[in-house]
């Protein structure tokens, strides 16, 4: 929406500048009734005050809104991809990293970062087997044990909300309390 408003403001600024320039230019050339012509200096001052200033105001705000709207659209696209990734993992129970990357049109690193963002936001709990490249969604009750759900080995804490199995390398994402 910001992009559309930005384009409209830029067009309005250009329109005002064009109309003022045309009107004052005709007046400076003596296009009006005899003796009512506008001096060239007056025309230049009028164009500067009533044409260029509105162009800078409307155009500047329009350019800002256009750029900001593009940034907001990119952020919303990122949020939609994270929502789809979360939905894929929760619906299927497990999703392979390559399939998620292809379906979401993201790189493997982008998918990995999206999962970490979802974990940090407390929206995803489960584990990842990096050797197989598969994300698993597990409910909290299944992850309360100290055993790895992938290989059965003892887990060890690595970071806040992150537990790593020293045997198979699976990383478990636990919701933060």
Protein backbone atom coordinates (compact mmCIF):
# COMPACT_ATOMS: atom_id res chain seq x y z
CA UNK A 1 0.00 0.00 0.00
CA UNK A 2 2.88 2.36 0.79
CA UNK A 3 4.31 1.85 -2.68
CA UNK A 4 1.03 2.86 -4.34
CA UNK A 5 0.67 5.97 -2.19
CA UNK A 6 4.31 6.82 -2.92
CA UNK A 7 3.74 6.59 -6.67
CA UNK A 8 0.60 8.74 -6.38
CA UNK A 9 2.49 11.43 -4.42
CA UNK A 10 5.33 11.47 -6.95
CA UNK A 11 2.84 11.89 -9.82
CA UNK A 12 0.99 14.64 -7.94
CA UNK A 13 4.28 16.49 -7.31
CA UNK A 14 5.27 16.22 -10.97
CA UNK A 15 1.79 17.32 -12.05
CA UNK A 16 1.80 20.41 -9.82
CA UNK A 17 5.29 21.36 -10.99
CA UNK A 18 4.33 20.87 -14.65
CA UNK A 19 1.10 22.90 -14.40
CA UNK A 20 2.76 25.76 -12.51
CA UNK A 21 5.67 25.82 -14.96
CA UNK A 22 3.31 25.87 -17.94
CA UNK A 23 1.05 28.53 -16.46
CA UNK A 24 3.87 30.87 -15.37
CA UNK A 25 5.85 30.23 -18.57
CA UNK A 26 2.89 31.33 -20.69
CA UNK A 27 2.49 34.40 -18.47
CA UNK A 28 6.17 35.30 -18.87
CA UNK A 29 5.91 35.08 -22.66
CA UNK A 30 3.06 37.58 -22.64
CA UNK A 31 0.29 35.10 -23.29
CA UNK A 32 -2.21 37.04 -21.20
CA UNK A 33 -4.08 40.30 -21.94
CA UNK A 34 -1.97 43.29 -23.04
CA UNK A 35 0.13 44.72 -20.19
CA UNK A 36 -0.43 41.83 -17.83
CA UNK A 37 2.68 39.86 -18.78
CA UNK A 38 4.87 38.35 -16.12
CA UNK A 39 8.54 39.26 -15.89
CA UNK A 40 10.99 36.37 -16.40
CA UNK A 41 12.32 36.85 -12.86
CA UNK A 42 8.79 36.62 -11.48
CA UNK A 43 8.13 33.49 -13.51
CA UNK A 44 11.31 31.83 -12.22
CA UNK A 45 10.45 32.75 -8.63
CA UNK A 46 6.90 31.47 -9.07
CA UNK A 47 8.10 28.20 -10.57
CA UNK A 48 10.58 27.75 -7.73
CA UNK A 49 8.03 28.49 -4.99
CA UNK A 50 4.90 26.92 -6.41
CA UNK A 51 6.35 24.23 -8.66
CA UNK A 52 9.67 22.95 -7.39
CA UNK A 53 8.88 23.16 -3.66
CA UNK A 54 5.72 21.04 -3.97
CA UNK A 55 7.64 18.64 -6.22
CA UNK A 56 10.31 18.23 -3.54
CA UNK A 57 7.74 17.79 -0.79
CA UNK A 58 5.36 15.43 -2.59
CA UNK A 59 8.14 13.70 -4.50
CA UNK A 60 10.37 13.26 -1.43
CA UNK A 61 7.57 11.82 0.67
CA UNK A 62 6.50 9.70 -2.30
CA UNK A 63 9.99 8.26 -2.82
CA UNK A 64 10.27 7.52 0.93
CA UNK A 65 6.91 5.72 0.96
CA UNK A 66 7.78 3.81 -2.21
CA UNK A 67 11.07 2.54 -0.73
CA UNK A 68 9.53 1.79 2.68
CA UNK A 69 6.66 -0.08 1.02
CA UNK A 70 9.16 -2.27 -0.84
CA UNK A 71 10.96 -3.09 2.40
CA UNK A 72 7.68 -3.96 4.13
CA UNK A 73 6.68 -6.21 1.23
CA UNK A 74 10.00 -8.07 1.50
CA UNK A 75 9.54 -8.50 5.26
CA UNK A 76 6.01 -9.82 4.78
CA UNK A 77 7.26 -12.33 2.21
CA UNK A 78 9.84 -13.55 4.74
CA UNK A 79 7.12 -13.95 7.40
CA UNK A 80 4.90 -15.88 4.95
CA UNK A 81 7.77 -18.27 4.14
CA UNK A 82 8.39 -18.90 7.85
CA UNK A 83 4.67 -19.56 8.37
CA UNK A 84 4.67 -22.05 5.48
CA UNK A 85 7.80 -23.77 6.80
CA UNK A 86 6.30 -24.10 10.27
CA UNK A 87 3.06 -25.41 8.80
CA UNK A 88 4.93 -27.94 6.65
CA UNK A 89 6.88 -29.34 9.60
CA UNK A 90 3.89 -29.43 11.94
CA UNK A 91 1.53 -30.96 9.39
CA UNK A 92 3.84 -33.69 8.14
CA UNK A 93 5.75 -34.30 11.37
CA UNK A 94 9.01 -34.26 9.42
CA UNK A 95 10.30 -32.39 6.40
CA UNK A 96 13.60 -32.75 4.60
CA UNK A 97 15.77 -29.67 4.31
CA UNK A 98 16.15 -29.96 0.49
CA UNK A 99 12.38 -30.33 -0.01
CA UNK A 100 11.65 -27.33 2.21
CA UNK A 101 14.25 -25.26 0.35
CA UNK A 102 12.75 -26.16 -3.03
CA UNK A 103 9.14 -25.66 -2.00
CA UNK A 104 9.81 -22.31 -0.31
CA UNK A 105 12.27 -21.15 -3.01
CA UNK A 106 14.91 -20.55 -0.37
CA UNK A 107 18.52 -21.65 0.03
CA UNK A 108 19.45 -24.27 2.62
CA UNK A 109 20.99 -21.56 4.81
CA UNK A 110 17.83 -19.45 4.57
CA UNK A 111 15.71 -22.44 5.66
CA UNK A 112 18.11 -23.13 8.53
CA UNK A 113 17.99 -19.47 9.64
CA UNK A 114 14.19 -19.50 9.38
CA UNK A 115 14.03 -22.53 11.70
CA UNK A 116 16.35 -20.82 14.19
CA UNK A 117 14.18 -17.67 14.05
CA UNK A 118 11.05 -19.75 14.71
CA UNK A 119 12.81 -21.43 17.65
CA UNK A 120 13.88 -18.06 19.08
CA UNK A 121 10.30 -16.83 18.79
CA UNK A 122 9.11 -19.92 20.67
CA UNK A 123 7.04 -21.14 17.71
CA UNK A 124 8.90 -24.36 16.90
CA UNK A 125 9.94 -27.28 19.05
CA UNK A 126 11.39 -30.40 17.60
CA UNK A 127 14.72 -31.62 16.41
CA UNK A 128 16.92 -31.70 13.36
CA UNK A 129 19.06 -34.54 12.16
CA UNK A 130 21.73 -32.66 10.22
CA UNK A 131 23.24 -35.86 8.81
CA UNK A 132 19.96 -36.73 7.08
CA UNK A 133 18.86 -33.10 6.68
CA UNK A 134 15.41 -33.66 8.20
CA UNK A 135 13.37 -31.42 10.52
CA UNK A 136 11.17 -33.29 12.99
CA UNK A 137 8.29 -31.76 14.89
CA UNK A 138 7.85 -33.30 18.30
CA UNK A 139 5.47 -32.28 21.01
CA UNK A 140 6.99 -31.23 24.32
CA UNK A 141 5.92 -34.40 26.18
CA UNK A 142 8.05 -36.54 23.85
CA UNK A 143 11.09 -34.31 24.31
CA UNK A 144 11.10 -34.12 28.14
CA UNK A 145 13.33 -37.19 28.48
CA UNK A 146 17.11 -36.93 28.49
CA UNK A 147 17.38 -39.39 25.60
CA UNK A 148 17.80 -38.34 21.97
CA UNK A 149 14.63 -39.09 19.97
CA UNK A 150 16.80 -39.92 16.97
CA UNK A 151 19.36 -42.43 18.33
CA UNK A 152 18.53 -42.87 22.02
CA UNK A 153 21.85 -41.41 23.27
CA UNK A 154 22.12 -38.99 26.20
CA UNK A 155 21.64 -35.37 25.15
CA UNK A 156 23.65 -32.39 26.30
CA UNK A 157 22.69 -28.71 26.51
CA UNK A 158 24.41 -26.50 23.94
CA UNK A 159 22.63 -23.18 24.20
CA UNK A 160 19.43 -21.54 25.31
CA UNK A 161 16.63 -23.78 24.07
CA UNK A 162 19.07 -25.93 22.10
CA UNK A 163 20.20 -29.44 23.01
CA UNK A 164 22.58 -31.46 20.86
CA UNK A 165 23.08 -35.20 20.79
CA UNK A 166 26.82 -35.92 20.94
CA UNK A 167 26.33 -39.27 19.20
CA UNK A 168 24.27 -38.53 16.09
CA UNK A 169 24.52 -34.72 15.98
CA UNK A 170 20.76 -34.15 16.10
CA UNK A 171 19.85 -30.73 17.45
CA UNK A 172 16.72 -30.49 19.56
CA UNK A 173 14.87 -27.23 19.84
CA UNK A 174 13.02 -26.91 23.11
CA UNK A 175 10.52 -24.14 23.78
CA UNK A 176 11.85 -21.56 26.18
CA UNK A 177 9.91 -21.11 29.39
